[in-house]
Each structure stands twice: as structure tokens, then as C-alpha cells.
Amino acid sequence: MNVPTVGADDDRRITRRTVLGGVGAASLATLAGCFGGSGNGDASESVPDPISIDEGKECDQCGMIIGNYLGPAGQSHYEDPTAVLEEDRPAQFCSSLCTYMFTFNNESEPQVSYLTDYSAVEYEVDTSTAQTTISRHLEGDAFGDVTGLTMVANSDVKGAMGESIVPFSDADQANEFQSEYGGDIYEHNEITQELVSSMMSGGM
């Protein structure tokens, strides 16, 4: 199991106000990839809405307590969750990396996967400690369908697993984040198992 490097206790933060909305969501709605997603298919085909994650919940990939860490969180909804989790509930994750790795490691494809959408929240970046971190948001309306998110990977901002993928539904906000904190821009369908594995091994 990976050892976490970023906790949830922060004293001083830099607050960044972000604009609500999902400019990038519409243009990427058809990119379902291996994570399912609502896409633009038959209107009768519905996917579950994101849930609020309990802070005490264990990550279904690595076992860490989700509320104890900072950065993006994730969740995946399956048509038959008992085939994946042996429980009738969505899979829930402490990080964007764990969300992707769980899907890559399982044959069953989720109906939809969600990650924290930093375009939908008023987030905070803390630069006061050795590792720059971004706030954690676990309420249901803080999550966005991965197929509509623009990702900033390998920036200076860390998450629960060290290196992080920070998602935005507004591509302009993703570009602004990259300009300030570095990293590389990816769309959902460009995130590979090789990329995630390299980030998980290199970030710890």
C-alpha cells in the first residue's frame, strides 16, 4: 500500500475564487472512454448522480481514509456494484490516481466516474508548507463526470497519493492553473494506465 504524504491539516491558505460552470463539459460530452459517462446517447439512458462521500470512508483502491487527505477525490458507479465491491454502493476514492487505477485494474466498466471538479467549488491552494496542496471537497455537487473534465497532471500541487491529477470542467481555468502551478494538460481519454502508474510510483 502506498504511504500518504499529504494530510488534511492546513493553517495558512491562498484562496482562489473560481467561476461556477462547465464550459469544457459540453465539448467533451461524447468522450466516454473506459469510464462510461452520460455522453450524448439515448435520452432514456441515465447514469447515477454523484454522491457526497463520508469523510470516514476508506478508499476502495488503497484503503486510506478519504477525509484525512487533501486534493481531488473520486467515485465510480457500476450497474452491478456487488460484482466489483461485494457491496451495493459506488466505489469511492481518496485521489484521482486511485480512481483511474481502480478502473484500469477491473474488468467491469463503470457507468460513470466522477472526480472533484475544481471549476465547481471555491478551492484553496496552500503554499505554506513543504508540499503545495489543494483543498478537498466531498459534497456531491463538487464532482464532475470525468468525460467532461480537463486535467492538470504532474503540477506542483500534491494530493493524497503525492503526485496528482487536478480536474476542471472549465478548460480555461485548467490552463490558468497550469500556468501558475505547472504540469501537463490532458483530456480524460488521454489518461493512460502507464501515466497513472508512473505518477503513483514517482510521487511516493
Protein backbone atom coordinates (compact mmCIF):
# COMPACT_ATOMS: atom_id res chain seq x y z
CA MET A 1 0.00 0.00 0.00
CA ASN A 2 1.26 3.48 -0.76
CA VAL A 3 2.14 5.65 2.20
CA PRO A 4 0.34 9.03 2.13
CA THR A 5 2.39 12.19 2.07
CA VAL A 6 -0.27 14.89 2.35
CA GLY A 7 -2.60 15.28 5.34
CA ALA A 8 -5.71 17.42 5.78
CA ASP A 9 -4.49 19.86 8.42
CA ASP A 10 -3.78 23.29 6.94
CA ASP A 11 -3.10 26.56 8.76
CA ARG A 12 -2.47 29.14 6.04
CA ARG A 13 -4.00 29.04 2.60
CA ILE A 14 -4.15 31.10 -0.56
CA THR A 15 -7.80 31.39 -1.59
CA ARG A 16 -8.69 31.31 -5.27
CA ARG A 17 -12.24 32.12 -6.29
CA THR A 18 -13.30 30.14 -9.30
CA VAL A 19 -16.29 30.59 -11.59
CA LEU A 20 -19.09 28.04 -11.40
CA GLY A 21 -19.99 26.26 -14.58
CA GLY A 22 -18.73 23.72 -17.02
CA VAL A 23 -17.58 25.37 -20.21
CA GLY A 24 -15.50 22.34 -21.15
CA ALA A 25 -18.20 19.80 -20.37
CA ALA A 26 -20.29 20.22 -23.50
CA SER A 27 -17.43 19.81 -25.94
CA LEU A 28 -16.23 16.64 -24.22
CA ALA A 29 -19.60 15.06 -23.51
CA THR A 30 -19.14 12.35 -26.10
CA LEU A 31 -15.83 11.11 -24.69
CA ALA A 32 -16.97 8.13 -22.67
CA GLY A 33 -13.69 6.19 -22.70
CA CYS A 34 -13.44 3.26 -20.35
CA PHE A 35 -15.23 5.17 -17.59
CA GLY A 36 -18.68 5.14 -19.13
CA GLY A 37 -20.35 8.51 -18.68
CA SER A 38 -23.58 10.03 -19.83
CA GLY A 39 -22.23 11.20 -23.17
CA ASN A 40 -24.84 12.27 -25.71
CA GLY A 41 -26.55 8.92 -26.23
CA ASP A 42 -30.16 7.87 -25.86
CA ALA A 43 -32.06 10.17 -23.51
CA SER A 44 -33.56 7.11 -21.83
CA GLU A 45 -30.07 6.03 -20.83
CA SER A 46 -29.41 7.59 -17.44
CA VAL A 47 -26.46 7.39 -15.09
CA PRO A 48 -26.40 7.86 -11.32
CA ASP A 49 -25.72 11.28 -9.88
CA PRO A 50 -22.59 11.77 -7.77
CA ILE A 51 -22.94 11.19 -4.05
CA SER A 52 -21.42 13.02 -1.10
CA ILE A 53 -18.52 10.98 0.27
CA ASP A 54 -18.31 10.36 4.01
CA GLU A 55 -15.01 11.64 5.40
CA GLY A 56 -14.51 8.37 7.28
CA LYS A 57 -14.87 6.20 4.18
CA GLU A 58 -11.87 4.09 3.17
CA CYS A 59 -10.55 4.41 -0.37
CA ASP A 60 -11.58 1.34 -2.37
CA GLN A 61 -8.22 1.28 -4.15
CA CYS A 62 -5.62 1.89 -1.42
CA GLY A 63 -7.56 1.71 1.87
CA MET A 64 -6.64 5.20 3.12
CA ILE A 65 -9.31 7.25 4.93
CA ILE A 66 -10.64 9.67 2.32
CA GLY A 67 -11.31 12.58 4.67
CA ASN A 68 -7.77 12.55 6.07
CA TYR A 69 -6.16 13.89 2.90
CA LEU A 70 -6.25 16.86 0.59
CA GLY A 71 -6.70 17.14 -3.16
CA PRO A 72 -9.13 15.61 -5.65
CA ALA A 73 -11.32 12.67 -4.64
CA GLY A 74 -13.29 10.34 -6.91
CA GLN A 75 -16.15 7.89 -7.23
CA SER A 76 -17.28 5.30 -9.78
CA HIS A 77 -20.81 3.96 -10.21
CA TYR A 78 -21.39 0.45 -11.54
CA GLU A 79 -24.54 -1.17 -12.90
CA ASP A 80 -23.78 -4.16 -10.66
CA PRO A 81 -21.54 -2.82 -7.88
CA THR A 82 -21.62 -6.12 -5.99
CA ALA A 83 -19.61 -7.70 -8.81
CA VAL A 84 -16.82 -5.19 -8.14
CA LEU A 85 -17.10 -4.31 -4.45
CA GLU A 86 -19.26 -7.09 -2.99
CA GLU A 87 -21.37 -4.18 -1.69
CA ASP A 88 -24.26 -2.29 -3.25
CA ARG A 89 -22.72 1.19 -3.42
CA PRO A 90 -20.45 3.33 -5.59
CA ALA A 91 -16.70 2.82 -5.40
CA GLN A 92 -15.09 5.77 -3.61
CA PHE A 93 -11.51 7.00 -3.77
CA CYS A 94 -9.04 9.25 -1.94
CA SER A 95 -7.49 10.58 -5.14
CA SER A 96 -7.85 10.97 -8.87
CA LEU A 97 -4.99 8.49 -9.30
CA CYS A 98 -6.77 5.81 -7.25
CA THR A 99 -9.97 6.43 -9.23
CA TYR A 100 -8.22 5.75 -12.52
CA MET A 101 -6.13 2.85 -11.24
CA PHE A 102 -9.17 1.05 -9.83
CA THR A 103 -10.89 1.23 -13.22
CA PHE A 104 -7.79 0.10 -15.10
CA ASN A 105 -7.46 -2.88 -12.72
CA ASN A 106 -11.06 -4.08 -13.03
CA GLU A 107 -12.75 -5.77 -15.96
CA SER A 108 -16.14 -4.26 -15.14
CA GLU A 109 -16.56 -0.80 -16.61
CA PRO A 110 -18.34 1.87 -14.56
CA GLN A 111 -21.49 3.51 -15.81
CA VAL A 112 -19.89 6.82 -14.86
CA SER A 113 -16.90 8.06 -12.89
CA TYR A 114 -16.67 11.40 -11.13
CA LEU A 115 -13.72 13.45 -9.90
CA THR A 116 -13.64 16.66 -7.90
CA ASP A 117 -14.39 19.47 -10.33
CA TYR A 118 -12.37 22.47 -9.21
CA SER A 119 -14.39 24.70 -11.53
CA ALA A 120 -17.45 23.94 -9.39
CA VAL A 121 -16.01 24.86 -5.99
CA GLU A 122 -14.26 27.72 -4.25
CA TYR A 123 -10.95 25.99 -3.73
CA GLU A 124 -7.88 26.88 -1.73
CA VAL A 125 -4.24 26.25 -2.55
CA ASP A 126 -1.89 26.11 0.44
CA THR A 127 1.71 27.07 -0.27
CA SER A 128 2.74 27.49 3.36
CA THR A 129 4.23 24.02 3.82
CA ALA A 130 6.86 21.90 2.09
CA GLN A 131 4.21 20.48 -0.24
CA THR A 132 1.74 22.72 -2.05
CA THR A 133 -1.76 21.28 -1.62
CA ILE A 134 -5.28 21.96 -2.84
CA SER A 135 -8.44 21.73 -0.75
CA ARG A 136 -10.65 18.65 -0.55
CA HIS A 137 -14.37 18.78 -1.45
CA LEU A 138 -16.54 15.72 -0.80
CA GLU A 139 -20.08 17.07 -1.30
CA GLY A 140 -21.97 15.58 -4.24
CA ASP A 141 -22.21 18.79 -6.25
CA ALA A 142 -18.43 19.18 -6.16
CA PHE A 143 -17.96 16.23 -8.53
CA GLY A 144 -17.95 16.26 -12.33
CA ASP A 145 -18.20 13.48 -14.90
CA VAL A 146 -14.64 12.63 -15.97
CA THR A 147 -15.61 12.75 -19.64
CA GLY A 148 -16.21 16.49 -19.32
CA LEU A 149 -13.10 17.42 -17.36
CA THR A 150 -9.76 18.88 -18.39
CA MET A 151 -6.96 17.50 -16.21
CA VAL A 152 -3.73 19.08 -14.98
CA ALA A 153 -1.26 16.28 -14.18
CA ASN A 154 2.15 16.46 -12.50
CA SER A 155 1.77 20.04 -11.31
CA ASP A 156 3.43 21.43 -8.17
CA VAL A 157 0.14 20.81 -6.31
CA LYS A 158 0.04 17.48 -4.50
CA GLY A 159 -2.83 15.19 -3.50
CA ALA A 160 -3.42 12.17 -1.28
CA MET A 161 -1.03 9.97 -3.27
CA GLY A 162 1.64 12.61 -3.73
CA GLU A 163 1.51 13.46 -7.45
CA SER A 164 -2.00 14.40 -8.53
CA ILE A 165 -4.35 14.93 -11.45
CA VAL A 166 -6.36 18.11 -10.79
CA PRO A 167 -9.59 18.30 -12.85
CA PHE A 168 -11.57 21.29 -14.15
CA SER A 169 -14.76 21.42 -16.22
CA ASP A 170 -13.67 24.85 -17.46
CA ALA A 171 -10.67 24.33 -19.75
CA ASP A 172 -9.62 27.98 -19.36
CA GLN A 173 -9.36 27.51 -15.60
CA ALA A 174 -7.28 24.38 -16.15
CA ASN A 175 -4.92 26.39 -18.34
CA GLU A 176 -4.70 29.14 -15.72
CA PHE A 177 -3.94 26.55 -13.04
CA GLN A 178 -1.23 25.03 -15.22
CA SER A 179 0.29 28.46 -15.86
CA GLU A 180 0.55 29.09 -12.12
CA TYR A 181 1.49 25.63 -10.84
CA GLY A 182 2.99 23.82 -13.84
CA GLY A 183 2.13 20.35 -15.07
CA ASP A 184 0.64 18.98 -18.28
CA ILE A 185 -2.87 19.25 -19.70
CA TYR A 186 -4.79 16.07 -20.53
CA GLU A 187 -8.31 15.23 -21.56
CA HIS A 188 -9.94 12.23 -19.90
CA ASN A 189 -9.39 9.88 -22.83
CA GLU A 190 -5.66 10.71 -22.80
CA ILE A 191 -5.13 9.41 -19.26
CA THR A 192 -3.42 6.02 -19.57
CA GLN A 193 -2.57 3.31 -17.10
CA GLU A 194 1.11 3.95 -17.80
CA LEU A 195 0.75 7.62 -16.88
CA VAL A 196 -1.13 6.85 -13.67
CA SER A 197 1.32 4.10 -12.67
CA SER A 198 4.30 6.40 -13.23
CA MET A 199 2.71 9.15 -11.14
CA MET A 200 1.85 6.77 -8.30
CA SER A 201 5.33 5.30 -8.17
CA GLY A 202 7.14 8.59 -8.69
CA GLY A 203 5.06 10.59 -6.24
CA MET A 204 5.69 8.49 -3.17
